Amino acid sequence: MTPPTSEPAWAAGAACRGLDSAIFYPATDEEAEPAKAVCGVCPVQETCLEHAIENREHNGVWGGATERERQRIIRRRRRQRSLARSAAAS
């Protein structure tokens, strides 16, 4: 989703560009489907998701993921890195 301030270069090609940003800030995760549908056809979806994860965006749908989903991705990546380090140390 396109951030409201100083837009990164990749955001120019985002499918959400020009849409009402309210769609990307649903009251509940269950109401996030319209935003996820836009993200699902977006050419910069992965870049947007990585931006949100790296910048710890706490609100909204970014790259097709809600805050709760982004937290799961972060936890999964941490576990994978930990397992990889353990395997390398063996």
C-alpha atoms as a PDB file:
ATOM      1  CA  MET A   1       0.000   0.000   0.000  1.00  0.00           C
ATOM      2  CA  THR A   2       1.239   3.463  -0.772  1.00  0.00           C
ATOM      3  CA  PRO A   3       2.406   5.282   2.353  1.00  0.00           C
ATOM      4  CA  PRO A   4       0.961   8.750   2.966  1.00  0.00           C
ATOM      5  CA  THR A   5       4.343  10.481   3.272  1.00  0.00           C
ATOM      6  CA  SER A   6       7.554  10.506   1.213  1.00  0.00           C
ATOM      7  CA  GLU A   7       6.659   7.797  -1.215  1.00  0.00           C
ATOM      8  CA  PRO A   8       9.303   5.213  -2.126  1.00  0.00           C
ATOM      9  CA  ALA A   9      10.077   4.874  -5.833  1.00  0.00           C
ATOM     10  CA  TRP A  10       8.450   1.427  -6.101  1.00  0.00           C
ATOM     11  CA  ALA A  11       5.104   2.858  -4.961  1.00  0.00           C
ATOM     12  CA  ALA A  12       4.625   4.609  -8.314  1.00  0.00           C
ATOM     13  CA  GLY A  13       3.718   1.252  -9.856  1.00  0.00           C
ATOM     14  CA  ALA A  14       1.469   0.074  -7.023  1.00  0.00           C
ATOM     15  CA  ALA A  15      -2.064  -1.090  -7.793  1.00  0.00           C
ATOM     16  CA  CYS A  16      -3.332   0.895  -4.800  1.00  0.00           C
ATOM     17  CA  ARG A  17      -2.091   4.179  -6.211  1.00  0.00           C
ATOM     18  CA  GLY A  18      -4.972   6.620  -6.425  1.00  0.00           C
ATOM     19  CA  LEU A  19      -7.392   4.438  -4.446  1.00  0.00           C
ATOM     20  CA  ASP A  20      -9.037   5.561  -1.223  1.00  0.00           C
ATOM     21  CA  SER A  21      -6.518   4.585   1.446  1.00  0.00           C
ATOM     22  CA  ALA A  22      -9.332   3.730   3.889  1.00  0.00           C
ATOM     23  CA  ILE A  23      -9.711   0.363   2.161  1.00  0.00           C
ATOM     24  CA  PHE A  24      -6.207  -0.538   3.395  1.00  0.00           C
ATOM     25  CA  TYR A  25      -6.999   0.269   7.024  1.00  0.00           C
ATOM     26  CA  PRO A  26      -9.899  -2.064   7.854  1.00  0.00           C
ATOM     27  CA  ALA A  27     -11.314  -2.169  11.374  1.00  0.00           C
ATOM     28  CA  THR A  28     -10.721  -5.941  11.586  1.00  0.00           C
ATOM     29  CA  ASP A  29      -8.654  -8.537   9.744  1.00  0.00           C
ATOM     30  CA  GLU A  30     -11.899 -10.042   8.474  1.00  0.00           C
ATOM     31  CA  GLU A  31     -12.631  -6.797   6.613  1.00  0.00           C
ATOM     32  CA  ALA A  32      -9.242  -6.845   4.841  1.00  0.00           C
ATOM     33  CA  GLU A  33     -10.353  -8.881   1.808  1.00  0.00           C
ATOM     34  CA  PRO A  34     -10.998  -5.903  -0.534  1.00  0.00           C
ATOM     35  CA  ALA A  35      -7.485  -4.579   0.156  1.00  0.00           C
ATOM     36  CA  LYS A  36      -5.962  -8.032  -0.273  1.00  0.00           C
ATOM     37  CA  ALA A  37      -7.719  -8.352  -3.631  1.00  0.00           C
ATOM     38  CA  VAL A  38      -6.008  -5.160  -4.828  1.00  0.00           C
ATOM     39  CA  CYS A  39      -2.670  -6.391  -3.487  1.00  0.00           C
ATOM     40  CA  GLY A  40      -3.173  -9.743  -5.179  1.00  0.00           C
ATOM     41  CA  VAL A  41      -2.839  -8.167  -8.632  1.00  0.00           C
ATOM     42  CA  CYS A  42      -0.200  -5.604  -7.697  1.00  0.00           C
ATOM     43  CA  PRO A  43       3.155  -5.752  -9.519  1.00  0.00           C
ATOM     44  CA  VAL A  44       5.020  -4.479  -6.433  1.00  0.00           C
ATOM     45  CA  GLN A  45       3.289  -6.652  -3.840  1.00  0.00           C
ATOM     46  CA  GLU A  46       6.467  -8.347  -2.596  1.00  0.00           C
ATOM     47  CA  THR A  47       8.384  -5.076  -2.407  1.00  0.00           C
ATOM     48  CA  CYS A  48       5.513  -3.475  -0.492  1.00  0.00           C
ATOM     49  CA  LEU A  49       5.358  -6.376   1.953  1.00  0.00           C
ATOM     50  CA  GLU A  50       9.111  -6.251   2.544  1.00  0.00           C
ATOM     51  CA  HIS A  51       8.903  -2.496   3.067  1.00  0.00           C
ATOM     52  CA  ALA A  52       6.217  -2.986   5.721  1.00  0.00           C
ATOM     53  CA  ILE A  53       8.189  -5.713   7.477  1.00  0.00           C
ATOM     54  CA  GLU A  54      11.476  -3.810   7.419  1.00  0.00           C
ATOM     55  CA  ASN A  55       9.821  -0.597   8.630  1.00  0.00           C
ATOM     56  CA  ARG A  56       7.623  -2.335  11.187  1.00  0.00           C
ATOM     57  CA  GLU A  57       4.397  -0.904   9.820  1.00  0.00           C
ATOM     58  CA  HIS A  58       1.839  -1.567  12.535  1.00  0.00           C
ATOM     59  CA  ASN A  59      -1.331  -0.568  10.767  1.00  0.00           C
ATOM     60  CA  GLY A  60      -3.040  -1.482   7.568  1.00  0.00           C
ATOM     61  CA  VAL A  61      -2.705  -3.994   4.798  1.00  0.00           C
ATOM     62  CA  TRP A  62       0.674  -3.885   3.088  1.00  0.00           C
ATOM     63  CA  GLY A  63       1.705  -6.283   0.357  1.00  0.00           C
ATOM     64  CA  GLY A  64      -1.466  -8.260   0.906  1.00  0.00           C
ATOM     65  CA  ALA A  65      -0.804  -8.905   4.596  1.00  0.00           C
ATOM     66  CA  THR A  66      -2.427  -7.539   7.721  1.00  0.00           C
ATOM     67  CA  GLU A  67      -0.348  -6.610  10.765  1.00  0.00           C
ATOM     68  CA  ARG A  68      -1.127  -9.983  12.332  1.00  0.00           C
ATOM     69  CA  GLU A  69      -0.016 -11.793   9.170  1.00  0.00           C
ATOM     70  CA  ARG A  70       3.172  -9.732   8.956  1.00  0.00           C
ATOM     71  CA  GLN A  71       3.976 -10.645  12.559  1.00  0.00           C
ATOM     72  CA  ARG A  72       3.587 -14.327  11.652  1.00  0.00           C
ATOM     73  CA  ILE A  73       5.946 -13.874   8.704  1.00  0.00           C
ATOM     74  CA  ILE A  74       8.523 -12.221  10.961  1.00  0.00           C
ATOM     75  CA  ARG A  75       8.278 -15.028  13.538  1.00  0.00           C
ATOM     76  CA  ARG A  76       8.554 -17.694  10.825  1.00  0.00           C
ATOM     77  CA  ARG A  77      11.647 -16.026   9.364  1.00  0.00           C
ATOM     78  CA  ARG A  78      13.252 -15.820  12.812  1.00  0.00           C
ATOM     79  CA  ARG A  79      12.608 -19.538  13.378  1.00  0.00           C
ATOM     80  CA  GLN A  80      14.062 -20.392   9.970  1.00  0.00           C
ATOM     81  CA  ARG A  81      17.192 -18.337  10.657  1.00  0.00           C
ATOM     82  CA  SER A  82      17.562 -19.976  14.047  1.00  0.00           C
ATOM     83  CA  LEU A  83      17.206 -23.446  12.546  1.00  0.00           C
ATOM     84  CA  ALA A  84      19.703 -22.584   9.828  1.00  0.00           C
ATOM     85  CA  ARG A  85      22.221 -21.367  12.418  1.00  0.00           C
ATOM     86  CA  SER A  86      21.709 -24.522  14.455  1.00  0.00           C
ATOM     87  CA  ALA A  87      22.228 -26.706  11.395  1.00  0.00           C
ATOM     88  CA  ALA A  88      25.358 -24.788  10.427  1.00  0.00           C
ATOM     89  CA  ALA A  89      26.786 -25.163  13.942  1.00  0.00           C
ATOM     90  CA  SER A  90      26.280 -28.938  13.902  1.00  0.00           C
END
